[in-house]
Protein backbone atom coordinates (compact mmCIF):
# COMPACT_ATOMS: atom_id res chain seq x y z
CA MET A 1 0.00 0.00 0.00
CA GLY A 2 1.34 3.47 -0.89
CA LEU A 3 1.46 6.56 1.28
CA ALA A 4 -1.65 8.07 -0.37
CA GLU A 5 -3.69 4.96 0.49
CA ASP A 6 -2.38 4.94 4.07
CA VAL A 7 -3.66 8.48 4.74
CA GLY A 8 -7.16 7.20 5.45
CA ASN A 9 -5.85 4.68 7.97
CA LEU A 10 -4.14 7.04 10.44
CA PHE A 11 -4.50 6.28 14.13
CA ILE A 12 -3.74 8.22 17.26
CA ALA A 13 -1.91 6.80 20.28
CA ASN A 14 -4.96 5.34 22.03
CA GLY A 15 -5.94 3.39 18.89
CA GLN A 16 -8.89 5.50 17.79
CA GLN A 17 -9.11 6.67 14.19
CA LEU A 18 -8.09 10.29 13.64
CA GLY A 19 -11.31 11.30 11.85
CA VAL A 20 -9.77 11.39 8.40
CA THR A 21 -12.45 11.25 5.73
CA ASP A 22 -12.93 11.58 2.00
CA ALA A 23 -13.12 15.13 0.69
CA THR A 24 -13.22 16.98 -2.61
CA LEU A 25 -11.19 20.10 -3.37
CA ILE A 26 -13.06 22.15 -5.96
CA LYS A 27 -10.67 24.51 -7.73
CA VAL A 28 -12.50 27.57 -9.08
CA ALA A 29 -10.93 29.41 -12.01
CA PRO A 30 -12.31 32.58 -13.55
CA GLY A 31 -13.76 32.04 -16.98
CA SER A 32 -14.31 34.33 -19.91
CA ARG A 33 -17.06 36.82 -20.47
CA THR A 34 -20.03 35.81 -22.56
CA PRO A 35 -19.74 37.49 -25.97
CA GLY A 36 -22.20 40.36 -26.28
CA SER A 37 -22.76 40.50 -22.51
CA LEU A 38 -19.77 42.35 -21.15
CA ALA A 39 -21.62 43.36 -17.98
CA GLY A 40 -22.80 39.80 -17.34
CA GLY A 41 -19.67 38.75 -15.44
CA THR A 42 -17.44 35.77 -16.11
CA ASN A 43 -18.33 32.11 -16.32
CA PRO A 44 -16.07 30.41 -13.75
CA THR A 45 -14.97 26.84 -14.35
CA THR A 46 -14.41 24.22 -11.68
CA THR A 47 -12.17 21.16 -11.44
CA ASN A 48 -12.68 18.54 -8.72
CA TYR A 49 -9.87 16.69 -6.94
CA ALA A 50 -10.59 13.81 -4.58
CA CYS A 51 -8.54 14.00 -1.39
CA LYS A 52 -8.42 13.08 2.31
CA GLY A 53 -8.74 15.42 5.26
CA PHE A 54 -10.54 16.38 8.44
CA VAL A 55 -12.48 19.30 9.93
CA SER A 56 -11.76 21.14 13.18
CA SER A 57 -13.15 24.21 14.93
CA PHE A 58 -11.37 27.43 15.77
CA GLU A 59 -10.40 28.05 19.38
CA SER A 60 -13.13 30.16 20.99
CA GLY A 61 -10.67 33.01 21.66
CA ARG A 62 -10.19 33.55 17.92
CA ILE A 63 -13.91 33.95 17.16
CA ASP A 64 -14.73 37.64 17.13
CA GLY A 65 -17.67 37.81 14.73
CA THR A 66 -15.78 39.63 11.98
CA ILE A 67 -12.69 37.75 10.83
CA VAL A 68 -13.61 34.35 12.29
CA LYS A 69 -17.31 33.57 12.54
CA ALA A 70 -18.79 30.94 14.84
CA GLN A 71 -19.54 28.53 11.99
CA ASP A 72 -16.11 28.85 10.33
CA ARG A 73 -13.98 25.73 10.29
CA LEU A 74 -10.36 24.79 9.76
CA ILE A 75 -10.19 22.15 7.07
CA SER A 76 -6.97 20.17 6.87
CA ILE A 77 -6.11 18.26 3.70
CA PHE A 78 -3.23 15.81 3.37
CA ALA A 79 -0.96 17.08 0.58
CA VAL A 80 -0.12 13.53 -0.51
CA SER A 81 -3.80 12.93 -1.29
CA LEU A 82 -3.77 15.72 -3.94
CA PRO A 83 -2.05 15.66 -7.34
CA PRO A 84 1.39 17.35 -7.41
CA GLY A 85 1.16 21.15 -7.62
CA ILE A 86 -2.49 21.30 -6.50
CA GLN A 87 -3.29 23.07 -3.24
CA PRO A 88 -6.29 24.93 -1.80
CA GLN A 89 -6.45 28.68 -2.36
CA PRO A 90 -8.91 31.39 -1.32
CA ASN A 91 -12.23 31.13 -3.20
CA ASP A 92 -11.79 27.39 -3.84
CA LYS A 93 -14.40 25.10 -2.29
CA ILE A 94 -14.02 21.96 -0.20
CA THR A 95 -16.73 19.35 0.25
CA ILE A 96 -16.20 17.22 3.36
CA GLU A 97 -18.53 15.42 5.78
CA GLY A 98 -21.48 16.20 3.49
CA LEU A 99 -21.02 19.99 3.60
CA THR A 100 -19.40 22.39 1.15
CA TYR A 101 -17.20 25.20 2.45
CA ARG A 102 -15.55 28.13 0.65
CA VAL A 103 -11.89 28.82 1.46
CA VAL A 104 -11.92 32.41 2.71
CA ALA A 105 -8.30 32.99 3.78
CA ASP A 106 -5.26 31.69 5.59
CA VAL A 107 -4.29 28.62 3.59
CA SER A 108 -1.20 27.40 5.39
CA ARG A 109 1.15 24.47 4.97
CA ASP A 110 3.09 22.75 7.72
CA PRO A 111 6.91 22.86 7.63
CA ALA A 112 7.13 19.31 6.28
CA SER A 113 4.64 20.12 3.47
CA THR A 114 2.37 17.24 4.47
CA MET A 115 -0.80 19.18 5.36
CA PHE A 116 -2.70 22.17 4.00
CA THR A 117 -4.98 23.92 6.49
CA ALA A 118 -7.61 26.32 5.18
CA HIS A 119 -9.86 28.83 6.98
CA SER A 120 -13.25 27.90 5.45
CA ARG A 121 -16.84 29.08 5.69
CA LYS A 122 -20.21 27.47 4.82
């Protein structure tokens, strides 16, 4: 079994599963304007990437109602579960645990480049 397959089988010290689940990173790219409708906006395109990750809440001290809202979540995605060169960015979407979130800011990567963590909002 390769490293990508092992991601879903992570365990913590007491033997309980870490809560890693299937997810989908939805990359959103701006499209082109519809000919003859310059004020109609662009037609964004999306590309889906299956991945593995988990959801966690912000610490209560960081929730202030403006930058971090009560329903915001930190979504962590294992880098090895994504194709090379693909990572979450603001305005992308992530579907995990049956809900879809929009990445609003603060996509970070750990020093070993194994995990992306994104500030996301329903």
